[in-house]
């Protein structure tokens, strides 16, 4: 039986299509974060990027997202270890660490809805950043989803 690509390739060897398919569609990386200036710790908020579709947890304009959100971070294999706030459930992190993808990951389940059914996604748990000010952010701090 042929092994799936994420078990036979390093992240740097994947095609763009393979790389993109590793995203489970949870939407967690699209949450705004606050950094504690004293400790450097990153805190998640329930505030989602203006481009996050709250129902699908997908970007509304993925191809042009940097035009609307210039500080959007493009995840690459090189940046993966620099980004401390990615959840341990993130498939990019899982593959890099040699762990098994979770049952709810669409590449395993064959269904994009399982990430939502398992309660992993941000669906139903976020507000849009639109109309909020920087001082509002502290009102939306959350514990990590894990």
Foldseek 3Di string as FASTA:
>chain_A
DDDDPLLVDQQVPDDPVVNVLLFLLQLQLQFDWDADPVPRDIFTFLAGEQQQDLARSDGVCVVCVCVVVVPRDDDGLVCVVVDPPDDCLRSNNCSNVVHDHDCQRCVNVVDSCSCVVVVNHCRPPHDYPPPDDPVCRVVGTDHPPD
